[in-house]
Amino acid sequence: MTNPLNNFFTKYPLLKFLGNRYVIVLVFFAIWMLFLDNTSYLLHQDLNKQIDELEANKKYYQDEIKKDKQNIKKLQNLDHVEQYAREKYYMKRDSEDIYIIEYEEDELRKKDSIANLQ
């Protein structure tokens, strides 16, 4: 008498392979490591994205520090201090008049930058 289960596995050899206990354990282990574990692949992807963002922030702030150091060196000279005060804070000498011309585009940029800060 032929075993119907044996006939079934000869008809579908892939099921015989997938029914092997080692394959089942291997598939379970792979699913566990990819999705369920604390050190899963998905978690590592999120952490790598965060690392990339932090490195970009680090580079940005290092560049800003370099610019600030250059500005500090420039401000050691009194002529540059006067120029900086005139440009940034609209200071003037007693015998001068200052006219500030603002365009609509500048106002929109200021509003956008204020909105981004909040």
PDB file of N, CA and C in Angstrom:
ATOM      1  N   MET A   1       0.814  -1.173   0.000  1.00  0.00           N
ATOM      2  CA  MET A   1       0.000   0.000   0.000  1.00  0.00           C
ATOM      3  C   MET A   1       0.866   1.249   0.000  1.00  0.00           C
ATOM      4  N   THR A   2       0.532   2.205  -0.798  1.00  0.00           N
ATOM      5  CA  THR A   2       1.316   3.434  -0.850  1.00  0.00           C
ATOM      6  C   THR A   2       0.761   4.433   0.146  1.00  0.00           C
ATOM      7  N   ASN A   3       1.676   5.128   0.735  1.00  0.00           N
ATOM      8  CA  ASN A   3       1.313   6.137   1.724  1.00  0.00           C
ATOM      9  C   ASN A   3       0.868   7.398   0.979  1.00  0.00           C
ATOM     10  N   PRO A   4      -0.341   7.955   1.260  1.00  0.00           N
ATOM     11  CA  PRO A   4      -0.793   9.155   0.539  1.00  0.00           C
ATOM     12  C   PRO A   4       0.090  10.362   0.857  1.00  0.00           C
ATOM     13  N   LEU A   5       0.657  10.416   2.044  1.00  0.00           N
ATOM     14  CA  LEU A   5       1.543  11.521   2.404  1.00  0.00           C
ATOM     15  C   LEU A   5       2.827  11.459   1.606  1.00  0.00           C
ATOM     16  N   ASN A   6       3.350  10.261   1.409  1.00  0.00           N
ATOM     17  CA  ASN A   6       4.556  10.079   0.613  1.00  0.00           C
ATOM     18  C   ASN A   6       4.300  10.477  -0.836  1.00  0.00           C
ATOM     19  N   ASN A   7       3.134  10.127  -1.339  1.00  0.00           N
ATOM     20  CA  ASN A   7       2.757  10.485  -2.699  1.00  0.00           C
ATOM     21  C   ASN A   7       2.632  12.010  -2.824  1.00  0.00           C
ATOM     22  N   PHE A   8       2.116  12.652  -1.791  1.00  0.00           N
ATOM     23  CA  PHE A   8       1.956  14.113  -1.789  1.00  0.00           C
ATOM     24  C   PHE A   8       3.311  14.812  -1.859  1.00  0.00           C
ATOM     25  N   PHE A   9       4.298  14.321  -1.079  1.00  0.00           N
ATOM     26  CA  PHE A   9       5.623  14.946  -1.079  1.00  0.00           C
ATOM     27  C   PHE A   9       6.372  14.685  -2.379  1.00  0.00           C
ATOM     28  N   THR A  10       6.120  13.574  -3.016  1.00  0.00           N
ATOM     29  CA  THR A  10       6.771  13.341  -4.304  1.00  0.00           C
ATOM     30  C   THR A  10       6.171  14.241  -5.364  1.00  0.00           C
ATOM     31  N   LYS A  11       4.899  14.584  -5.194  1.00  0.00           N
ATOM     32  CA  LYS A  11       4.249  15.478  -6.154  1.00  0.00           C
ATOM     33  C   LYS A  11       4.718  16.916  -5.947  1.00  0.00           C
ATOM     34  N   TYR A  12       4.937  17.312  -4.689  1.00  0.00           N
ATOM     35  CA  TYR A  12       5.383  18.675  -4.352  1.00  0.00           C
ATOM     36  C   TYR A  12       6.669  18.590  -3.534  1.00  0.00           C
ATOM     37  N   PRO A  13       7.839  18.525  -4.183  1.00  0.00           N
ATOM     38  CA  PRO A  13       9.090  18.366  -3.431  1.00  0.00           C
ATOM     39  C   PRO A  13       9.464  19.623  -2.621  1.00  0.00           C
ATOM     40  N   LEU A  14       8.951  20.781  -3.017  1.00  0.00           N
ATOM     41  CA  LEU A  14       9.245  22.004  -2.273  1.00  0.00           C
ATOM     42  C   LEU A  14       8.656  21.937  -0.861  1.00  0.00           C
ATOM     43  N   LEU A  15       7.491  21.338  -0.720  1.00  0.00           N
ATOM     44  CA  LEU A  15       6.886  21.190   0.607  1.00  0.00           C
ATOM     45  C   LEU A  15       7.701  20.266   1.493  1.00  0.00           C
ATOM     46  N   LYS A  16       8.323  19.271   0.901  1.00  0.00           N
ATOM     47  CA  LYS A  16       9.171  18.382   1.682  1.00  0.00           C
ATOM     48  C   LYS A  16      10.373  19.154   2.223  1.00  0.00           C
ATOM     49  N   PHE A  17      10.928  20.034   1.359  1.00  0.00           N
ATOM     50  CA  PHE A  17      12.062  20.861   1.784  1.00  0.00           C
ATOM     51  C   PHE A  17      11.628  21.831   2.883  1.00  0.00           C
ATOM     52  N   LEU A  18      10.476  22.498   2.706  1.00  0.00           N
ATOM     53  CA  LEU A  18      10.002  23.466   3.695  1.00  0.00           C
ATOM     54  C   LEU A  18       9.533  22.800   4.982  1.00  0.00           C
ATOM     55  N   GLY A  19       9.197  21.532   4.915  1.00  0.00           N
ATOM     56  CA  GLY A  19       8.775  20.804   6.100  1.00  0.00           C
ATOM     57  C   GLY A  19       9.931  20.352   6.968  1.00  0.00           C
ATOM     58  N   ASN A  20      11.147  20.492   6.485  1.00  0.00           N
ATOM     59  CA  ASN A  20      12.333  20.117   7.245  1.00  0.00           C
ATOM     60  C   ASN A  20      12.439  21.016   8.485  1.00  0.00           C
ATOM     61  N   ARG A  21      12.724  20.446   9.621  1.00  0.00           N
ATOM     62  CA  ARG A  21      12.752  21.214  10.863  1.00  0.00           C
ATOM     63  C   ARG A  21      13.869  22.253  10.872  1.00  0.00           C
ATOM     64  N   TYR A  22      14.964  21.990  10.191  1.00  0.00           N
ATOM     65  CA  TYR A  22      16.059  22.964  10.147  1.00  0.00           C
ATOM     66  C   TYR A  22      15.664  24.186   9.328  1.00  0.00           C
ATOM     67  N   VAL A  23      14.930  23.965   8.264  1.00  0.00           N
ATOM     68  CA  VAL A  23      14.463  25.087   7.446  1.00  0.00           C
ATOM     69  C   VAL A  23      13.454  25.913   8.236  1.00  0.00           C
ATOM     70  N   ILE A  24      12.588  25.250   8.964  1.00  0.00           N
ATOM     71  CA  ILE A  24      11.601  25.972   9.776  1.00  0.00           C
ATOM     72  C   ILE A  24      12.296  26.820  10.833  1.00  0.00           C
ATOM     73  N   VAL A  25      13.288  26.265  11.489  1.00  0.00           N
ATOM     74  CA  VAL A  25      14.031  27.021  12.508  1.00  0.00           C
ATOM     75  C   VAL A  25      14.785  28.181  11.864  1.00  0.00           C
ATOM     76  N   LEU A  26      15.377  27.951  10.707  1.00  0.00           N
ATOM     77  CA  LEU A  26      16.111  29.009  10.015  1.00  0.00           C
ATOM     78  C   LEU A  26      15.181  30.149   9.596  1.00  0.00           C
ATOM     79  N   VAL A  27      14.016  29.831   9.072  1.00  0.00           N
ATOM     80  CA  VAL A  27      13.048  30.861   8.671  1.00  0.00           C
ATOM     81  C   VAL A  27      12.569  31.628   9.902  1.00  0.00           C
ATOM     82  N   PHE A  28      12.257  30.928  10.974  1.00  0.00           N
ATOM     83  CA  PHE A  28      11.836  31.588  12.210  1.00  0.00           C
ATOM     84  C   PHE A  28      12.932  32.520  12.727  1.00  0.00           C
ATOM     85  N   PHE A  29      14.180  32.052  12.714  1.00  0.00           N
ATOM     86  CA  PHE A  29      15.311  32.866  13.176  1.00  0.00           C
ATOM     87  C   PHE A  29      15.466  34.113  12.309  1.00  0.00           C
ATOM     88  N   ALA A  30      15.332  33.961  10.989  1.00  0.00           N
ATOM     89  CA  ALA A  30      15.480  35.108  10.081  1.00  0.00           C
ATOM     90  C   ALA A  30      14.377  36.135  10.321  1.00  0.00           C
ATOM     91  N   ILE A  31      13.162  35.673  10.472  1.00  0.00           N
ATOM     92  CA  ILE A  31      12.054  36.599  10.734  1.00  0.00           C
ATOM     93  C   ILE A  31      12.259  37.300  12.078  1.00  0.00           C
ATOM     94  N   TRP A  32      12.684  36.549  13.074  1.00  0.00           N
ATOM     95  CA  TRP A  32      12.932  37.131  14.393  1.00  0.00           C
ATOM     96  C   TRP A  32      14.016  38.216  14.320  1.00  0.00           C
ATOM     97  N   MET A  33      15.110  37.929  13.645  1.00  0.00           N
ATOM     98  CA  MET A  33      16.220  38.891  13.582  1.00  0.00           C
ATOM     99  C   MET A  33      15.864  40.110  12.728  1.00  0.00           C
ATOM    100  N   LEU A  34      15.079  39.923  11.687  1.00  0.00           N
ATOM    101  CA  LEU A  34      14.749  41.047  10.815  1.00  0.00           C
ATOM    102  C   LEU A  34      13.691  41.973  11.404  1.00  0.00           C
ATOM    103  N   PHE A  35      12.720  41.445  12.106  1.00  0.00           N
ATOM    104  CA  PHE A  35      11.586  42.261  12.490  1.00  0.00           C
ATOM    105  C   PHE A  35      11.317  42.355  13.995  1.00  0.00           C
ATOM    106  N   LEU A  36      11.596  41.334  14.754  1.00  0.00           N
ATOM    107  CA  LEU A  36      11.104  41.283  16.128  1.00  0.00           C
ATOM    108  C   LEU A  36      12.144  41.591  17.198  1.00  0.00           C
ATOM    109  N   ASP A  37      13.398  41.418  16.936  1.00  0.00           N
ATOM    110  CA  ASP A  37      14.432  41.554  17.957  1.00  0.00           C
ATOM    111  C   ASP A  37      14.723  43.028  18.242  1.00  0.00           C
ATOM    112  N   ASN A  38      15.335  43.298  19.390  1.00  0.00           N
ATOM    113  CA  ASN A  38      15.729  44.667  19.742  1.00  0.00           C
ATOM    114  C   ASN A  38      16.811  45.200  18.813  1.00  0.00           C
ATOM    115  N   THR A  39      17.574  44.334  18.215  1.00  0.00           N
ATOM    116  CA  THR A  39      18.615  44.748  17.271  1.00  0.00           C
ATOM    117  C   THR A  39      18.195  44.376  15.854  1.00  0.00           C
ATOM    118  N   SER A  40      16.934  44.607  15.524  1.00  0.00           N
ATOM    119  CA  SER A  40      16.400  44.209  14.226  1.00  0.00           C
ATOM    120  C   SER A  40      16.947  45.095  13.107  1.00  0.00           C
ATOM    121  N   TYR A  41      16.778  44.611  11.912  1.00  0.00           N
ATOM    122  CA  TYR A  41      17.235  45.328  10.722  1.00  0.00           C
ATOM    123  C   TYR A  41      16.496  46.657  10.592  1.00  0.00           C
ATOM    124  N   LEU A  42      15.207  46.675  10.847  1.00  0.00           N
ATOM    125  CA  LEU A  42      14.422  47.897  10.728  1.00  0.00           C
ATOM    126  C   LEU A  42      14.880  48.947  11.737  1.00  0.00           C
ATOM    127  N   LEU A  43      15.184  48.512  12.941  1.00  0.00           N
ATOM    128  CA  LEU A  43      15.680  49.436  13.954  1.00  0.00           C
ATOM    129  C   LEU A  43      17.036  50.019  13.543  1.00  0.00           C
ATOM    130  N   HIS A  44      17.881  49.189  12.978  1.00  0.00           N
ATOM    131  CA  HIS A  44      19.184  49.666  12.506  1.00  0.00           C
ATOM    132  C   HIS A  44      19.024  50.690  11.383  1.00  0.00           C
ATOM    133  N   GLN A  45      18.055  50.500  10.519  1.00  0.00           N
ATOM    134  CA  GLN A  45      17.819  51.474   9.453  1.00  0.00           C
ATOM    135  C   GLN A  45      17.411  52.821  10.039  1.00  0.00           C
ATOM    136  N   ASP A  46      16.524  52.820  11.023  1.00  0.00           N
ATOM    137  CA  ASP A  46      16.118  54.069  11.675  1.00  0.00           C
ATOM    138  C   ASP A  46      17.300  54.736  12.373  1.00  0.00           C
ATOM    139  N   LEU A  47      18.107  53.943  13.049  1.00  0.00           N
ATOM    140  CA  LEU A  47      19.268  54.507  13.735  1.00  0.00           C
ATOM    141  C   LEU A  47      20.280  55.076  12.747  1.00  0.00           C
ATOM    142  N   ASN A  48      20.468  54.416  11.610  1.00  0.00           N
ATOM    143  CA  ASN A  48      21.388  54.939  10.593  1.00  0.00           C
ATOM    144  C   ASN A  48      20.886  56.257  10.023  1.00  0.00           C
ATOM    145  N   LYS A  49      19.563  56.395   9.839  1.00  0.00           N
ATOM    146  CA  LYS A  49      19.007  57.670   9.374  1.00  0.00           C
ATOM    147  C   LYS A  49      19.270  58.771  10.401  1.00  0.00           C
ATOM    148  N   GLN A  50      19.072  58.454  11.675  1.00  0.00           N
ATOM    149  CA  GLN A  50      19.323  59.440  12.721  1.00  0.00           C
ATOM    150  C   GLN A  50      20.796  59.840  12.766  1.00  0.00           C
ATOM    151  N   ILE A  51      21.672  58.876  12.584  1.00  0.00           N
ATOM    152  CA  ILE A  51      23.107  59.164  12.573  1.00  0.00           C
ATOM    153  C   ILE A  51      23.447  60.096  11.414  1.00  0.00           C
ATOM    154  N   ASP A  52      22.883  59.835  10.246  1.00  0.00           N
ATOM    155  CA  ASP A  52      23.140  60.697   9.088  1.00  0.00           C
ATOM    156  C   ASP A  52      22.648  62.119   9.337  1.00  0.00           C
ATOM    157  N   GLU A  53      21.463  62.249   9.939  1.00  0.00           N
ATOM    158  CA  GLU A  53      20.943  63.579  10.249  1.00  0.00           C
ATOM    159  C   GLU A  53      21.839  64.302  11.257  1.00  0.00           C
ATOM    160  N   LEU A  54      22.281  63.579  12.262  1.00  0.00           N
ATOM    161  CA  LEU A  54      23.140  64.197  13.276  1.00  0.00           C
ATOM    162  C   LEU A  54      24.488  64.603  12.697  1.00  0.00           C
ATOM    163  N   GLU A  55      25.018  63.797  11.795  1.00  0.00           N
ATOM    164  CA  GLU A  55      26.286  64.173  11.159  1.00  0.00           C
ATOM    165  C   GLU A  55      26.118  65.399  10.275  1.00  0.00           C
ATOM    166  N   ALA A  56      24.975  65.508   9.596  1.00  0.00           N
ATOM    167  CA  ALA A  56      24.705  66.697   8.791  1.00  0.00           C
ATOM    168  C   ALA A  56      24.592  67.929   9.695  1.00  0.00           C
ATOM    169  N   ASN A  57      23.907  67.773  10.830  1.00  0.00           N
ATOM    170  CA  ASN A  57      23.807  68.881  11.789  1.00  0.00           C
ATOM    171  C   ASN A  57      25.177  69.261  12.323  1.00  0.00           C
ATOM    172  N   LYS A  58      25.997  68.270  12.601  1.00  0.00           N
ATOM    173  CA  LYS A  58      27.338  68.529  13.120  1.00  0.00           C
ATOM    174  C   LYS A  58      28.153  69.333  12.115  1.00  0.00           C
ATOM    175  N   LYS A  59      28.083  68.942  10.848  1.00  0.00           N
ATOM    176  CA  LYS A  59      28.819  69.664   9.806  1.00  0.00           C
ATOM    177  C   LYS A  59      28.315  71.102   9.688  1.00  0.00           C
ATOM    178  N   TYR A  60      26.995  71.278   9.733  1.00  0.00           N
ATOM    179  CA  TYR A  60      26.427  72.618   9.645  1.00  0.00           C
ATOM    180  C   TYR A  60      26.923  73.494  10.794  1.00  0.00           C
ATOM    181  N   TYR A  61      26.876  72.974  12.007  1.00  0.00           N
ATOM    182  CA  TYR A  61      27.289  73.768  13.150  1.00  0.00           C
ATOM    183  C   TYR A  61      28.793  74.029  13.165  1.00  0.00           C
ATOM    184  N   GLN A  62      29.573  73.083  12.658  1.00  0.00           N
ATOM    185  CA  GLN A  62      31.012  73.334  12.556  1.00  0.00           C
ATOM    186  C   GLN A  62      31.301  74.450  11.556  1.00  0.00           C
ATOM    187  N   ASP A  63      30.558  74.471  10.449  1.00  0.00           N
ATOM    188  CA  ASP A  63      30.720  75.559   9.487  1.00  0.00           C
ATOM    189  C   ASP A  63      30.310  76.896  10.091  1.00  0.00           C
ATOM    190  N   GLU A  64      29.231  76.894  10.865  1.00  0.00           N
ATOM    191  CA  GLU A  64      28.798  78.129  11.518  1.00  0.00           C
ATOM    192  C   GLU A  64      29.831  78.598  12.538  1.00  0.00           C
ATOM    193  N   ILE A  65      30.446  77.677  13.244  1.00  0.00           N
ATOM    194  CA  ILE A  65      31.492  78.040  14.202  1.00  0.00           C
ATOM    195  C   ILE A  65      32.675  78.671  13.483  1.00  0.00           C
ATOM    196  N   LYS A  66      33.042  78.118  12.331  1.00  0.00           N
ATOM    197  CA  LYS A  66      34.140  78.709  11.555  1.00  0.00           C
ATOM    198  C   LYS A  66      33.797  80.126  11.125  1.00  0.00           C
ATOM    199  N   LYS A  67      32.559  80.344  10.669  1.00  0.00           N
ATOM    200  CA  LYS A  67      32.143  81.690  10.259  1.00  0.00           C
ATOM    201  C   LYS A  67      32.177  82.645  11.448  1.00  0.00           C
ATOM    202  N   ASP A  68      31.706  82.185  12.590  1.00  0.00           N
ATOM    203  CA  ASP A  68      31.706  83.036  13.779  1.00  0.00           C
ATOM    204  C   ASP A  68      33.127  83.377  14.228  1.00  0.00           C
ATOM    205  N   LYS A  69      34.033  82.408  14.136  1.00  0.00           N
ATOM    206  CA  LYS A  69      35.428  82.687  14.495  1.00  0.00           C
ATOM    207  C   LYS A  69      36.030  83.720  13.564  1.00  0.00           C
ATOM    208  N   GLN A  70      35.693  83.638  12.274  1.00  0.00           N
ATOM    209  CA  GLN A  70      36.190  84.637  11.321  1.00  0.00           C
ATOM    210  C   GLN A  70      35.626  86.014  11.655  1.00  0.00           C
ATOM    211  N   ASN A  71      34.336  86.053  12.011  1.00  0.00           N
ATOM    212  CA  ASN A  71      33.735  87.337  12.390  1.00  0.00           C
ATOM    213  C   ASN A  71      34.375  87.892  13.654  1.00  0.00           C
ATOM    214  N   ILE A  72      34.692  87.040  14.592  1.00  0.00           N
ATOM    215  CA  ILE A  72      35.343  87.501  15.829  1.00  0.00           C
ATOM    216  C   ILE A  72      36.718  88.077  15.507  1.00  0.00           C
ATOM    217  N   LYS A  73      37.460  87.420  14.616  1.00  0.00           N
ATOM    218  CA  LYS A  73      38.775  87.951  14.232  1.00  0.00           C
ATOM    219  C   LYS A  73      38.630  89.308  13.553  1.00  0.00           C
ATOM    220  N   LYS A  74      37.595  89.450  12.705  1.00  0.00           N
ATOM    221  CA  LYS A  74      37.381  90.734  12.036  1.00  0.00           C
ATOM    222  C   LYS A  74      37.012  91.820  13.034  1.00  0.00           C
ATOM    223  N   LEU A  75      36.244  91.445  14.047  1.00  0.00           N
ATOM    224  CA  LEU A  75      35.782  92.449  15.003  1.00  0.00           C
ATOM    225  C   LEU A  75      36.870  92.891  15.984  1.00  0.00           C
ATOM    226  N   GLN A  76      38.045  92.301  15.889  1.00  0.00           N
ATOM    227  CA  GLN A  76      39.170  92.788  16.691  1.00  0.00           C
ATOM    228  C   GLN A  76      39.648  94.142  16.182  1.00  0.00           C
ATOM    229  N   ASN A  77      39.382  94.429  14.920  1.00  0.00           N
ATOM    230  CA  ASN A  77      39.755  95.699  14.303  1.00  0.00           C
ATOM    231  C   ASN A  77      38.595  96.685  14.481  1.00  0.00           C
ATOM    232  N   LEU A  78      38.875  97.904  14.930  1.00  0.00           N
ATOM    233  CA  LEU A  78      37.826  98.890  15.201  1.00  0.00           C
ATOM    234  C   LEU A  78      37.092  99.316  13.936  1.00  0.00           C
ATOM    235  N   ASP A  79      37.777  99.317  12.804  1.00  0.00           N
ATOM    236  CA  ASP A  79      37.103  99.683  11.550  1.00  0.00           C
ATOM    237  C   ASP A  79      36.018  98.661  11.207  1.00  0.00           C
ATOM    238  N   HIS A  80      36.305  97.414  11.446  1.00  0.00           N
ATOM    239  CA  HIS A  80      35.311  96.366  11.167  1.00  0.00           C
ATOM    240  C   HIS A  80      34.163  96.411  12.175  1.00  0.00           C
ATOM    241  N   VAL A  81      34.456  96.818  13.406  1.00  0.00           N
ATOM    242  CA  VAL A  81      33.395  96.958  14.404  1.00  0.00           C
ATOM    243  C   VAL A  81      32.422  98.035  13.953  1.00  0.00           C
ATOM    244  N   GLU A  82      32.947  99.136  13.471  1.00  0.00           N
ATOM    245  CA  GLU A  82      32.093 100.221  12.990  1.00  0.00           C
ATOM    246  C   GLU A  82      31.274  99.771  11.787  1.00  0.00           C
ATOM    247  N   GLN A  83      31.895  99.082  10.865  1.00  0.00           N
ATOM    248  CA  GLN A  83      31.195  98.599   9.677  1.00  0.00           C
ATOM    249  C   GLN A  83      30.085  97.615  10.069  1.00  0.00           C
ATOM    250  N   TYR A  84      30.376  96.727  10.998  1.00  0.00           N
ATOM    251  CA  TYR A  84      29.397  95.742  11.463  1.00  0.00           C
ATOM    252  C   TYR A  84      28.208  96.441  12.128  1.00  0.00           C
ATOM    253  N   ALA A  85      28.504  97.427  12.968  1.00  0.00           N
ATOM    254  CA  ALA A  85      27.438  98.156  13.662  1.00  0.00           C
ATOM    255  C   ALA A  85      26.563  98.900  12.664  1.00  0.00           C
ATOM    256  N   ARG A  86      27.150  99.453  11.644  1.00  0.00           N
ATOM    257  CA  ARG A  86      26.378 100.174  10.632  1.00  0.00           C
ATOM    258  C   ARG A  86      25.486  99.221   9.831  1.00  0.00           C
ATOM    259  N   GLU A  87      26.014  98.065   9.472  1.00  0.00           N
ATOM    260  CA  GLU A  87      25.252  97.141   8.637  1.00  0.00           C
ATOM    261  C   GLU A  87      24.165  96.417   9.419  1.00  0.00           C
ATOM    262  N   LYS A  88      24.483  95.935  10.590  1.00  0.00           N
ATOM    263  CA  LYS A  88      23.538  95.105  11.339  1.00  0.00           C
ATOM    264  C   LYS A  88      22.554  95.923  12.177  1.00  0.00           C
ATOM    265  N   TYR A  89      23.023  96.973  12.789  1.00  0.00           N
ATOM    266  CA  TYR A  89      22.196  97.698  13.751  1.00  0.00           C
ATOM    267  C   TYR A  89      21.828  99.095  13.276  1.00  0.00           C
ATOM    268  N   TYR A  90      22.144  99.418  12.033  1.00  0.00           N
ATOM    269  CA  TYR A  90      21.792 100.700  11.408  1.00  0.00           C
ATOM    270  C   TYR A  90      22.258 101.894  12.230  1.00  0.00           C
ATOM    271  N   MET A  91      23.434 101.789  12.818  1.00  0.00           N
ATOM    272  CA  MET A  91      23.994 102.908  13.570  1.00  0.00           C
ATOM    273  C   MET A  91      24.597 103.910  12.599  1.00  0.00           C
ATOM    274  N   LYS A  92      24.694 105.157  13.054  1.00  0.00           N
ATOM    275  CA  LYS A  92      25.193 106.214  12.181  1.00  0.00           C
ATOM    276  C   LYS A  92      25.991 107.224  12.993  1.00  0.00           C
ATOM    277  N   ARG A  93      26.712 107.998  12.255  1.00  0.00           N
ATOM    278  CA  ARG A  93      27.407 109.116  12.888  1.00  0.00           C
ATOM    279  C   ARG A  93      26.420 110.271  13.030  1.00  0.00           C
ATOM    280  N   ASP A  94      26.775 111.255  13.842  1.00  0.00           N
ATOM    281  CA  ASP A  94      25.858 112.375  14.087  1.00  0.00           C
ATOM    282  C   ASP A  94      25.555 113.169  12.831  1.00  0.00           C
ATOM    283  N   SER A  95      26.490 113.245  11.925  1.00  0.00           N
ATOM    284  CA  SER A  95      26.313 114.072  10.737  1.00  0.00           C
ATOM    285  C   SER A  95      25.743 113.295   9.547  1.00  0.00           C
ATOM    286  N   GLU A  96      25.242 112.098   9.788  1.00  0.00           N
ATOM    287  CA  GLU A  96      24.752 111.270   8.691  1.00  0.00           C
ATOM    288  C   GLU A  96      23.252 111.024   8.806  1.00  0.00           C
ATOM    289  N   ASP A  97      22.661 110.739   7.668  1.00  0.00           N
ATOM    290  CA  ASP A  97      21.276 110.273   7.617  1.00  0.00           C
ATOM    291  C   ASP A  97      21.276 108.905   6.960  1.00  0.00           C
ATOM    292  N   ILE A  98      20.434 108.020   7.471  1.00  0.00           N
ATOM    293  CA  ILE A  98      20.355 106.667   6.925  1.00  0.00           C
ATOM    294  C   ILE A  98      18.941 106.451   6.398  1.00  0.00           C
ATOM    295  N   TYR A  99      18.875 105.916   5.185  1.00  0.00           N
ATOM    296  CA  TYR A  99      17.601 105.573   4.574  1.00  0.00           C
ATOM    297  C   TYR A  99      17.575 104.056   4.373  1.00  0.00           C
ATOM    298  N   ILE A 100      16.569 103.437   4.953  1.00  0.00           N
ATOM    299  CA  ILE A 100      16.435 101.986   4.845  1.00  0.00           C
ATOM    300  C   ILE A 100      15.332 101.692   3.841  1.00  0.00           C
ATOM    301  N   ILE A 101      15.691 100.965   2.813  1.00  0.00           N
ATOM    302  CA  ILE A 101      14.730 100.602   1.780  1.00  0.00           C
ATOM    303  C   ILE A 101      14.445  99.116   1.914  1.00  0.00           C
ATOM    304  N   GLU A 102      13.191  98.793   2.165  1.00  0.00           N
ATOM    305  CA  GLU A 102      12.797  97.395   2.306  1.00  0.00           C
ATOM    306  C   GLU A 102      11.855  97.032   1.165  1.00  0.00           C
ATOM    307  N   TYR A 103      12.045  95.867   0.640  1.00  0.00           N
ATOM    308  CA  TYR A 103      11.218  95.366  -0.441  1.00  0.00           C
ATOM    309  C   TYR A 103      10.238  94.339   0.111  1.00  0.00           C
ATOM    310  N   GLU A 104       9.173  94.068  -0.640  1.00  0.00           N
ATOM    311  CA  GLU A 104       8.169  93.100  -0.196  1.00  0.00           C
ATOM    312  C   GLU A 104       8.774  91.706  -0.038  1.00  0.00           C
ATOM    313  N   GLU A 105       9.700  91.361  -0.906  1.00  0.00           N
ATOM    314  CA  GLU A 105      10.343  90.049  -0.831  1.00  0.00           C
ATOM    315  C   GLU A 105      11.091  89.885   0.490  1.00  0.00           C
ATOM    316  N   ASP A 106      11.723  90.963   0.954  1.00  0.00           N
ATOM    317  CA  ASP A 106      12.438  90.904   2.223  1.00  0.00           C
ATOM    318  C   ASP A 106      11.467  90.681   3.375  1.00  0.00           C
ATOM    319  N   GLU A 107      10.305  91.326   3.314  1.00  0.00           N
ATOM    320  CA  GLU A 107       9.313  91.151   4.370  1.00  0.00           C
ATOM    321  C   GLU A 107       8.808  89.707   4.400  1.00  0.00           C
ATOM    322  N   LEU A 108       8.593  89.129   3.219  1.00  0.00           N
ATOM    323  CA  LEU A 108       8.132  87.738   3.163  1.00  0.00           C
ATOM    324  C   LEU A 108       9.178  86.791   3.725  1.00  0.00           C
ATOM    325  N   ARG A 109      10.439  87.042   3.424  1.00  0.00           N
ATOM    326  CA  ARG A 109      11.516  86.208   3.964  1.00  0.00           C
ATOM    327  C   ARG A 109      11.583  86.311   5.473  1.00  0.00           C
ATOM    328  N   LYS A 110      11.416  87.522   6.001  1.00  0.00           N
ATOM    329  CA  LYS A 110      11.449  87.705   7.452  1.00  0.00           C
ATOM    330  C   LYS A 110      10.299  86.952   8.113  1.00  0.00           C
ATOM    331  N   LYS A 111       9.113  87.041   7.512  1.00  0.00           N
ATOM    332  CA  LYS A 111       7.954  86.339   8.079  1.00  0.00           C
ATOM    333  C   LYS A 111       8.180  84.836   8.043  1.00  0.00           C
ATOM    334  N   ASP A 112       8.740  84.328   6.931  1.00  0.00           N
ATOM    335  CA  ASP A 112       9.008  82.902   6.826  1.00  0.00           C
ATOM    336  C   ASP A 112      10.031  82.458   7.851  1.00  0.00           C
ATOM    337  N   SER A 113      11.074  83.256   8.050  1.00  0.00           N
ATOM    338  CA  SER A 113      12.112  82.866   9.014  1.00  0.00           C
ATOM    339  C   SER A 113      11.565  82.905  10.437  1.00  0.00           C
ATOM    340  N   ILE A 114      10.681  83.858  10.728  1.00  0.00           N
ATOM    341  CA  ILE A 114      10.068  83.923  12.062  1.00  0.00           C
ATOM    342  C   ILE A 114       9.147  82.727  12.265  1.00  0.00           C
ATOM    343  N   ALA A 115       8.394  82.362  11.229  1.00  0.00           N
ATOM    344  CA  ALA A 115       7.495  81.212  11.334  1.00  0.00           C
ATOM    345  C   ALA A 115       8.289  79.921  11.521  1.00  0.00           C
ATOM    346  N   ASN A 116       9.439  79.812  10.885  1.00  0.00           N
ATOM    347  CA  ASN A 116      10.267  78.615  11.024  1.00  0.00           C
ATOM    348  C   ASN A 116      10.862  78.514  12.417  1.00  0.00           C
ATOM    349  N   LEU A 117      11.136  79.632  13.043  1.00  0.00           N
ATOM    350  CA  LEU A 117      11.694  79.616  14.391  1.00  0.00           C
ATOM    351  C   LEU A 117      10.670  79.164  15.421  1.00  0.00           C
ATOM    352  N   GLN A 118       9.427  79.440  15.155  1.00  0.00           N
ATOM    353  CA  GLN A 118       8.380  79.070  16.110  1.00  0.00           C
ATOM    354  C   GLN A 118       8.013  77.668  15.878  1.00  0.00           C
TER     355      GLN A 118
END
